[in-house]
């Protein structure tokens, strides 16, 4: 019981600190931003709201100004089942990338952040 209360309290603290220190969005021309939005339409981030690694990944998305669909794999049973059935495990953050006829499930915040930086930082 004490551990759960501590975990919930720390989670709320992580969310508060994220809100107070949120990075600014990358500025792009309207055409470049439209290209980023079109490229990001096939990306989905499965995450837990208070997970520090998920917060780190969402901060990168905000900094790069990449609009990605967010799925709550903790409180939404359908999203959780999709992550388990299609991704293979309930582990967050997980970026689902749909390209051509192939779907890639990318785990680990560092790997996801590196991918996002490579794909969207120069645009």
C-alpha atoms as a PDB file:
ATOM      1  CA  UNK A   1       0.000   0.000   0.000  1.00  0.00           C
ATOM      2  CA  UNK A   2       2.802   2.417   0.896  1.00  0.00           C
ATOM      3  CA  UNK A   3       4.730   1.544  -2.254  1.00  0.00           C
ATOM      4  CA  UNK A   4       1.675   2.181  -4.437  1.00  0.00           C
ATOM      5  CA  UNK A   5       1.078   5.568  -2.789  1.00  0.00           C
ATOM      6  CA  UNK A   6       4.740   6.457  -3.272  1.00  0.00           C
ATOM      7  CA  UNK A   7       4.615   5.387  -6.930  1.00  0.00           C
ATOM      8  CA  UNK A   8       1.440   7.402  -7.591  1.00  0.00           C
ATOM      9  CA  UNK A   9       2.891  10.460  -5.824  1.00  0.00           C
ATOM     10  CA  UNK A  10       6.129  10.265  -7.770  1.00  0.00           C
ATOM     11  CA  UNK A  11       4.185   9.811 -10.997  1.00  0.00           C
ATOM     12  CA  UNK A  12       2.212  12.987 -10.318  1.00  0.00           C
ATOM     13  CA  UNK A  13       5.464  14.812  -9.525  1.00  0.00           C
ATOM     14  CA  UNK A  14       6.943  13.657 -12.852  1.00  0.00           C
ATOM     15  CA  UNK A  15       3.869  14.979 -14.681  1.00  0.00           C
ATOM     16  CA  UNK A  16       4.050  18.319 -12.854  1.00  0.00           C
ATOM     17  CA  UNK A  17       7.769  18.795 -13.551  1.00  0.00           C
ATOM     18  CA  UNK A  18       7.171  17.902 -17.205  1.00  0.00           C
ATOM     19  CA  UNK A  19       4.388  20.481 -17.440  1.00  0.00           C
ATOM     20  CA  UNK A  20       6.486  23.211 -15.804  1.00  0.00           C
ATOM     21  CA  UNK A  21       9.591  22.567 -17.903  1.00  0.00           C
ATOM     22  CA  UNK A  22       7.970  21.620 -21.224  1.00  0.00           C
ATOM     23  CA  UNK A  23      10.220  22.453 -24.218  1.00  0.00           C
ATOM     24  CA  UNK A  24       9.141  24.796 -26.974  1.00  0.00           C
ATOM     25  CA  UNK A  25       8.058  23.447 -30.331  1.00  0.00           C
ATOM     26  CA  UNK A  26      10.373  23.499 -33.329  1.00  0.00           C
ATOM     27  CA  UNK A  27       9.487  26.251 -35.781  1.00  0.00           C
ATOM     28  CA  UNK A  28       9.084  25.248 -39.417  1.00  0.00           C
ATOM     29  CA  UNK A  29       7.632  26.762 -42.546  1.00  0.00           C
ATOM     30  CA  UNK A  30       3.986  25.785 -43.076  1.00  0.00           C
ATOM     31  CA  UNK A  31       5.022  23.527 -45.970  1.00  0.00           C
ATOM     32  CA  UNK A  32       7.699  21.770 -43.907  1.00  0.00           C
ATOM     33  CA  UNK A  33       5.304  21.314 -40.976  1.00  0.00           C
ATOM     34  CA  UNK A  34       2.665  19.883 -43.325  1.00  0.00           C
ATOM     35  CA  UNK A  35       5.270  17.390 -44.603  1.00  0.00           C
ATOM     36  CA  UNK A  36       6.138  16.385 -41.013  1.00  0.00           C
ATOM     37  CA  UNK A  37       2.458  15.947 -40.156  1.00  0.00           C
ATOM     38  CA  UNK A  38       1.894  13.806 -43.244  1.00  0.00           C
ATOM     39  CA  UNK A  39       4.934  11.692 -42.410  1.00  0.00           C
ATOM     40  CA  UNK A  40       3.842  11.293 -38.756  1.00  0.00           C
ATOM     41  CA  UNK A  41       0.291  10.159 -39.518  1.00  0.00           C
ATOM     42  CA  UNK A  42       1.415   6.530 -39.501  1.00  0.00           C
ATOM     43  CA  UNK A  43       3.053   6.762 -36.057  1.00  0.00           C
ATOM     44  CA  UNK A  44       1.389   5.830 -32.756  1.00  0.00           C
ATOM     45  CA  UNK A  45       2.963   6.028 -29.301  1.00  0.00           C
ATOM     46  CA  UNK A  46       1.749   3.533 -26.706  1.00  0.00           C
ATOM     47  CA  UNK A  47       2.552   4.956 -23.290  1.00  0.00           C
ATOM     48  CA  UNK A  48       1.693   5.380 -19.624  1.00  0.00           C
ATOM     49  CA  UNK A  49       0.995   8.977 -18.639  1.00  0.00           C
ATOM     50  CA  UNK A  50       3.306   9.109 -15.582  1.00  0.00           C
ATOM     51  CA  UNK A  51       6.105   6.846 -16.875  1.00  0.00           C
ATOM     52  CA  UNK A  52       9.354   8.882 -16.867  1.00  0.00           C
ATOM     53  CA  UNK A  53      10.582   7.191 -20.059  1.00  0.00           C
ATOM     54  CA  UNK A  54       7.269   7.992 -21.766  1.00  0.00           C
ATOM     55  CA  UNK A  55       7.514  11.599 -20.572  1.00  0.00           C
ATOM     56  CA  UNK A  56      11.018  11.783 -22.070  1.00  0.00           C
ATOM     57  CA  UNK A  57       9.701  10.468 -25.391  1.00  0.00           C
ATOM     58  CA  UNK A  58       6.707  12.843 -25.402  1.00  0.00           C
ATOM     59  CA  UNK A  59       9.042  15.770 -24.677  1.00  0.00           C
ATOM     60  CA  UNK A  60      11.055  14.857 -27.767  1.00  0.00           C
ATOM     61  CA  UNK A  61       7.871  14.702 -29.839  1.00  0.00           C
ATOM     62  CA  UNK A  62       6.903  18.161 -28.581  1.00  0.00           C
ATOM     63  CA  UNK A  63      10.390  19.609 -29.124  1.00  0.00           C
ATOM     64  CA  UNK A  64      10.437  18.285 -32.696  1.00  0.00           C
ATOM     65  CA  UNK A  65       6.806  19.413 -33.212  1.00  0.00           C
ATOM     66  CA  UNK A  66       5.732  15.966 -34.415  1.00  0.00           C
ATOM     67  CA  UNK A  67       2.019  15.231 -33.868  1.00  0.00           C
ATOM     68  CA  UNK A  68       1.705  11.551 -33.004  1.00  0.00           C
ATOM     69  CA  UNK A  69      -1.366   9.651 -31.854  1.00  0.00           C
ATOM     70  CA  UNK A  70      -0.992   8.725 -28.170  1.00  0.00           C
ATOM     71  CA  UNK A  71      -2.473   5.525 -26.776  1.00  0.00           C
ATOM     72  CA  UNK A  72      -2.868   4.963 -23.027  1.00  0.00           C
ATOM     73  CA  UNK A  73      -1.751   1.387 -22.470  1.00  0.00           C
ATOM     74  CA  UNK A  74      -2.356   1.624 -18.729  1.00  0.00           C
ATOM     75  CA  UNK A  75      -5.947   2.837 -18.440  1.00  0.00           C
ATOM     76  CA  UNK A  76      -7.400   1.818 -21.807  1.00  0.00           C
ATOM     77  CA  UNK A  77      -7.901  -1.936 -22.004  1.00  0.00           C
ATOM     78  CA  UNK A  78      -8.262  -1.946 -25.812  1.00  0.00           C
ATOM     79  CA  UNK A  79      -4.950  -0.109 -26.270  1.00  0.00           C
ATOM     80  CA  UNK A  80      -3.295  -2.443 -23.757  1.00  0.00           C
ATOM     81  CA  UNK A  81      -4.565  -5.529 -25.609  1.00  0.00           C
ATOM     82  CA  UNK A  82      -3.462  -4.118 -28.969  1.00  0.00           C
ATOM     83  CA  UNK A  83       0.019  -3.522 -27.566  1.00  0.00           C
ATOM     84  CA  UNK A  84       0.168  -7.076 -26.219  1.00  0.00           C
ATOM     85  CA  UNK A  85      -1.390  -8.851 -29.210  1.00  0.00           C
ATOM     86  CA  UNK A  86       0.309  -6.952 -32.018  1.00  0.00           C
ATOM     87  CA  UNK A  87       3.469  -5.646 -30.336  1.00  0.00           C
ATOM     88  CA  UNK A  88       4.139  -8.833 -28.413  1.00  0.00           C
ATOM     89  CA  UNK A  89       4.530  -7.383 -24.925  1.00  0.00           C
ATOM     90  CA  UNK A  90       3.192  -4.710 -22.608  1.00  0.00           C
ATOM     91  CA  UNK A  91       6.199  -2.449 -22.394  1.00  0.00           C
ATOM     92  CA  UNK A  92       6.198   1.314 -22.795  1.00  0.00           C
ATOM     93  CA  UNK A  93       7.062   3.532 -24.456  1.00  0.00           C
ATOM     94  CA  UNK A  94       6.409   1.726 -27.711  1.00  0.00           C
ATOM     95  CA  UNK A  95       6.276   3.475 -31.072  1.00  0.00           C
ATOM     96  CA  UNK A  96       4.183   1.745 -33.720  1.00  0.00           C
ATOM     97  CA  UNK A  97       5.455   2.605 -37.193  1.00  0.00           C
ATOM     98  CA  UNK A  98       3.330   1.695 -40.194  1.00  0.00           C
ATOM     99  CA  UNK A  99       5.234   1.919 -43.472  1.00  0.00           C
ATOM    100  CA  UNK A 100       4.047   0.406 -46.729  1.00  0.00           C
ATOM    101  CA  UNK A 101       2.624  -3.000 -45.786  1.00  0.00           C
ATOM    102  CA  UNK A 102       4.836  -3.431 -42.737  1.00  0.00           C
ATOM    103  CA  UNK A 103       4.309  -2.542 -39.068  1.00  0.00           C
ATOM    104  CA  UNK A 104       7.294  -2.105 -36.748  1.00  0.00           C
ATOM    105  CA  UNK A 105       6.929  -1.985 -32.969  1.00  0.00           C
ATOM    106  CA  UNK A 106       9.846   0.011 -31.544  1.00  0.00           C
ATOM    107  CA  UNK A 107      10.534  -0.241 -27.810  1.00  0.00           C
ATOM    108  CA  UNK A 108      12.984   1.622 -25.537  1.00  0.00           C
ATOM    109  CA  UNK A 109      12.836   5.400 -25.176  1.00  0.00           C
ATOM    110  CA  UNK A 110      16.425   5.932 -26.323  1.00  0.00           C
ATOM    111  CA  UNK A 111      15.854   3.977 -29.540  1.00  0.00           C
ATOM    112  CA  UNK A 112      12.581   5.815 -30.190  1.00  0.00           C
ATOM    113  CA  UNK A 113      14.148   9.231 -29.523  1.00  0.00           C
ATOM    114  CA  UNK A 114      17.093   8.454 -31.811  1.00  0.00           C
ATOM    115  CA  UNK A 115      14.652   7.397 -34.541  1.00  0.00           C
ATOM    116  CA  UNK A 116      12.574  10.571 -34.130  1.00  0.00           C
ATOM    117  CA  UNK A 117      15.657  12.790 -34.202  1.00  0.00           C
ATOM    118  CA  UNK A 118      16.987  11.101 -37.340  1.00  0.00           C
ATOM    119  CA  UNK A 119      13.632  11.297 -39.099  1.00  0.00           C
ATOM    120  CA  UNK A 120      12.361  14.748 -38.054  1.00  0.00           C
ATOM    121  CA  UNK A 121      15.141  16.976 -36.647  1.00  0.00           C
ATOM    122  CA  UNK A 122      16.501  18.083 -40.028  1.00  0.00           C
ATOM    123  CA  UNK A 123      13.094  18.814 -41.535  1.00  0.00           C
END
